[in-house]
């Protein structure tokens, strides 16, 4: 998989490279791994007008902690991004504005590239919730209840199927009087 970050060089025309790589440019809601790009109209309370232009080298939106896989924001044209200075557990990463005729891209080694069309956006981190911890007895009861529910549904489906077969049979059988 080719990434814009691995093929670009100083002064390279990213729009031309993106066209060669067939990277779609989207104006709506999109996700790349644990980063969401949300149109400002859907998250207006979180959008602030950014003033910092995205440099040629790009801006790290989320730095990879263990594997070094960073979500890198790249730009062609007037693209502005200001990171949100918040608490470590804040899901809002920052505000993004892509000017008319410009394109922004999120680049990631595992997820590839996504193109961001002109508009105003909020970048957020997605959260994964850990599963609820159940003690072994509660887990066993839950599993038994699920198994019982599946059995009941299978029996009900078998009864519906049998009724449908009987109805189809009765519709095709004619009784003829002598």
Protein backbone atom coordinates (compact mmCIF):
# COMPACT_ATOMS: atom_id res chain seq x y z
CA UNK A 1 0.00 0.00 0.00
CA UNK A 2 1.45 3.35 -0.98
CA UNK A 3 0.94 6.25 1.38
CA UNK A 4 1.21 9.92 0.61
CA UNK A 5 3.65 10.33 3.49
CA UNK A 6 6.01 7.76 2.00
CA UNK A 7 6.03 9.11 -1.58
CA UNK A 8 5.96 12.87 -1.00
CA UNK A 9 8.99 15.12 -0.93
CA UNK A 10 9.45 18.82 -0.28
CA UNK A 11 7.40 20.78 -2.76
CA UNK A 12 5.65 17.70 -4.18
CA UNK A 13 2.18 18.19 -5.61
CA UNK A 14 0.14 16.09 -3.17
CA UNK A 15 -3.05 16.52 -5.20
CA UNK A 16 -1.32 14.98 -8.21
CA UNK A 17 0.05 12.10 -6.12
CA UNK A 18 -3.35 11.48 -4.52
CA UNK A 19 -4.96 11.31 -7.96
CA UNK A 20 -2.39 8.71 -9.05
CA UNK A 21 -3.09 6.65 -5.91
CA UNK A 22 -6.91 6.91 -6.33
CA UNK A 23 -7.54 8.35 -2.87
CA UNK A 24 -11.21 9.35 -2.55
CA UNK A 25 -11.98 12.83 -1.21
CA UNK A 26 -15.05 12.94 1.02
CA UNK A 27 -16.98 15.92 2.40
CA UNK A 28 -19.02 14.00 4.97
CA UNK A 29 -18.45 12.00 8.11
CA UNK A 30 -15.52 9.61 7.87
CA UNK A 31 -13.36 7.47 10.11
CA UNK A 32 -9.79 6.31 9.91
CA UNK A 33 -8.89 3.87 12.64
CA UNK A 34 -9.40 5.66 15.94
CA UNK A 35 -9.84 9.13 14.36
CA UNK A 36 -13.22 10.51 13.25
CA UNK A 37 -13.57 13.45 10.86
CA UNK A 38 -16.91 15.09 11.63
CA UNK A 39 -18.42 17.95 9.60
CA UNK A 40 -18.72 21.04 11.82
CA UNK A 41 -22.47 21.15 11.17
CA UNK A 42 -22.73 17.86 13.10
CA UNK A 43 -20.46 19.02 15.94
CA UNK A 44 -20.71 22.82 15.90
CA UNK A 45 -20.25 23.12 19.67
CA UNK A 46 -16.78 21.56 19.34
CA UNK A 47 -15.50 23.54 16.32
CA UNK A 48 -13.13 26.50 16.78
CA UNK A 49 -11.82 28.43 13.77
CA UNK A 50 -8.24 27.20 13.31
CA UNK A 51 -5.53 29.67 12.32
CA UNK A 52 -2.44 27.46 11.89
CA UNK A 53 -1.65 26.36 8.33
CA UNK A 54 -0.73 22.70 7.91
CA UNK A 55 2.96 22.62 6.90
CA UNK A 56 4.39 20.62 4.00
CA UNK A 57 5.68 17.96 6.41
CA UNK A 58 2.17 17.54 7.85
CA UNK A 59 0.84 17.55 11.40
CA UNK A 60 0.59 14.53 13.69
CA UNK A 61 -3.06 14.36 14.76
CA UNK A 62 -2.59 11.22 16.87
CA UNK A 63 0.84 9.79 17.57
CA UNK A 64 1.15 6.02 17.66
CA UNK A 65 2.13 5.00 21.15
CA UNK A 66 3.45 1.46 20.85
CA UNK A 67 3.82 0.78 17.14
CA UNK A 68 4.75 4.29 16.03
CA UNK A 69 1.77 4.46 13.66
CA UNK A 70 0.85 8.12 13.55
CA UNK A 71 -2.26 9.64 11.98
CA UNK A 72 -0.64 12.39 9.89
CA UNK A 73 -2.63 15.32 8.45
CA UNK A 74 -1.28 16.42 5.05
CA UNK A 75 -2.45 19.33 2.90
CA UNK A 76 -2.58 20.73 -0.59
CA UNK A 77 -3.73 24.35 -0.61
CA UNK A 78 -5.14 26.39 2.26
CA UNK A 79 -5.68 23.86 5.05
CA UNK A 80 -5.71 24.99 8.69
CA UNK A 81 -5.68 22.83 11.80
CA UNK A 82 -5.44 23.72 15.47
CA UNK A 83 -5.07 20.90 17.97
CA UNK A 84 -7.24 21.14 21.04
CA UNK A 85 -5.29 21.63 24.22
CA UNK A 86 -7.36 19.48 26.52
CA UNK A 87 -7.09 16.79 29.09
CA UNK A 88 -5.50 13.49 28.11
CA UNK A 89 -8.93 11.83 28.17
CA UNK A 90 -10.56 14.50 25.94
CA UNK A 91 -11.94 12.96 22.75
CA UNK A 92 -11.73 16.21 20.77
CA UNK A 93 -8.43 16.34 18.90
CA UNK A 94 -8.87 19.65 17.12
CA UNK A 95 -10.58 21.78 14.46
CA UNK A 96 -9.87 21.60 10.74
CA UNK A 97 -10.78 23.95 7.90
CA UNK A 98 -10.08 23.01 4.29
CA UNK A 99 -10.29 26.02 1.99
CA UNK A 100 -11.99 26.13 -1.42
CA UNK A 101 -9.90 24.26 -3.98
CA UNK A 102 -7.77 22.65 -1.25
CA UNK A 103 -7.64 19.07 -0.01
CA UNK A 104 -6.49 17.56 3.27
CA UNK A 105 -5.52 13.92 3.79
CA UNK A 106 -5.23 11.71 6.82
CA UNK A 107 -2.33 9.32 6.32
CA UNK A 108 -1.76 6.16 8.37
CA UNK A 109 0.43 3.08 7.69
CA UNK A 110 -2.32 0.57 8.50
CA UNK A 111 -5.41 2.44 7.28
CA UNK A 112 -4.02 4.11 4.15
CA UNK A 113 -5.13 7.61 3.16
CA UNK A 114 -8.48 9.35 3.28
CA UNK A 115 -9.12 12.63 1.50
CA UNK A 116 -11.01 15.48 3.14
CA UNK A 117 -12.89 17.90 0.86
CA UNK A 118 -13.22 21.68 1.43
CA UNK A 119 -15.22 22.49 4.55
CA UNK A 120 -15.08 22.81 8.32
CA UNK A 121 -14.52 19.75 10.51
CA UNK A 122 -13.93 18.54 14.06
CA UNK A 123 -11.44 15.72 14.56
CA UNK A 124 -12.24 13.38 17.43
CA UNK A 125 -10.65 10.30 18.90
CA UNK A 126 -12.82 7.19 18.94
CA UNK A 127 -13.02 5.25 22.17
CA UNK A 128 -13.30 1.53 22.68
CA UNK A 129 -15.12 0.54 25.80
CA UNK A 130 -13.77 -2.41 27.73
CA UNK A 131 -16.25 -5.24 28.21
CA UNK A 132 -17.99 -5.44 31.53
CA UNK A 133 -16.24 -7.86 33.86
CA UNK A 134 -18.52 -10.64 35.06
CA UNK A 135 -17.81 -13.14 37.76
CA UNK A 136 -17.79 -16.78 36.52
CA UNK A 137 -21.23 -17.55 38.02
CA UNK A 138 -22.88 -14.54 36.38
CA UNK A 139 -21.16 -15.33 33.07
CA UNK A 140 -22.45 -18.94 33.22
CA UNK A 141 -26.01 -17.75 33.90
CA UNK A 142 -25.81 -15.24 31.05
CA UNK A 143 -24.51 -17.88 28.64
CA UNK A 144 -27.23 -20.35 29.69
CA UNK A 145 -29.93 -17.71 29.21
CA UNK A 146 -28.60 -16.90 25.73
CA UNK A 147 -28.50 -20.60 24.82
CA UNK A 148 -32.09 -21.09 26.05
CA UNK A 149 -33.26 -18.05 24.06
CA UNK A 150 -31.61 -19.43 20.90
CA UNK A 151 -33.31 -22.82 21.42
CA UNK A 152 -36.72 -21.16 21.90
CA UNK A 153 -36.25 -19.07 18.77
CA UNK A 154 -35.21 -22.18 16.79
CA UNK A 155 -38.35 -24.03 17.97
CA UNK A 156 -40.56 -21.05 17.07
CA UNK A 157 -38.95 -20.80 13.63
CA UNK A 158 -39.43 -24.54 13.04
CA UNK A 159 -43.14 -24.19 13.97
CA UNK A 160 -43.52 -21.25 11.56
CA UNK A 161 -41.79 -23.21 8.79
CA UNK A 162 -44.05 -26.24 9.39
CA UNK A 163 -47.17 -24.06 9.31
CA UNK A 164 -46.02 -22.46 6.05
CA UNK A 165 -45.39 -25.91 4.50
CA UNK A 166 -48.84 -27.14 5.57
CA UNK A 167 -50.47 -24.00 4.19
CA UNK A 168 -48.65 -24.42 0.87
CA UNK A 169 -49.68 -28.11 0.75
CA UNK A 170 -53.33 -27.31 1.50
CA UNK A 171 -53.33 -24.64 -1.21
CA UNK A 172 -52.17 -27.15 -3.84
CA UNK A 173 -54.34 -30.16 -2.85
CA UNK A 174 -57.84 -30.30 -4.40
CA UNK A 175 -60.52 -32.65 -3.27
CA UNK A 176 -62.67 -33.90 -6.11
CA UNK A 177 -66.09 -35.43 -5.35
CA UNK A 178 -67.12 -38.63 -7.18
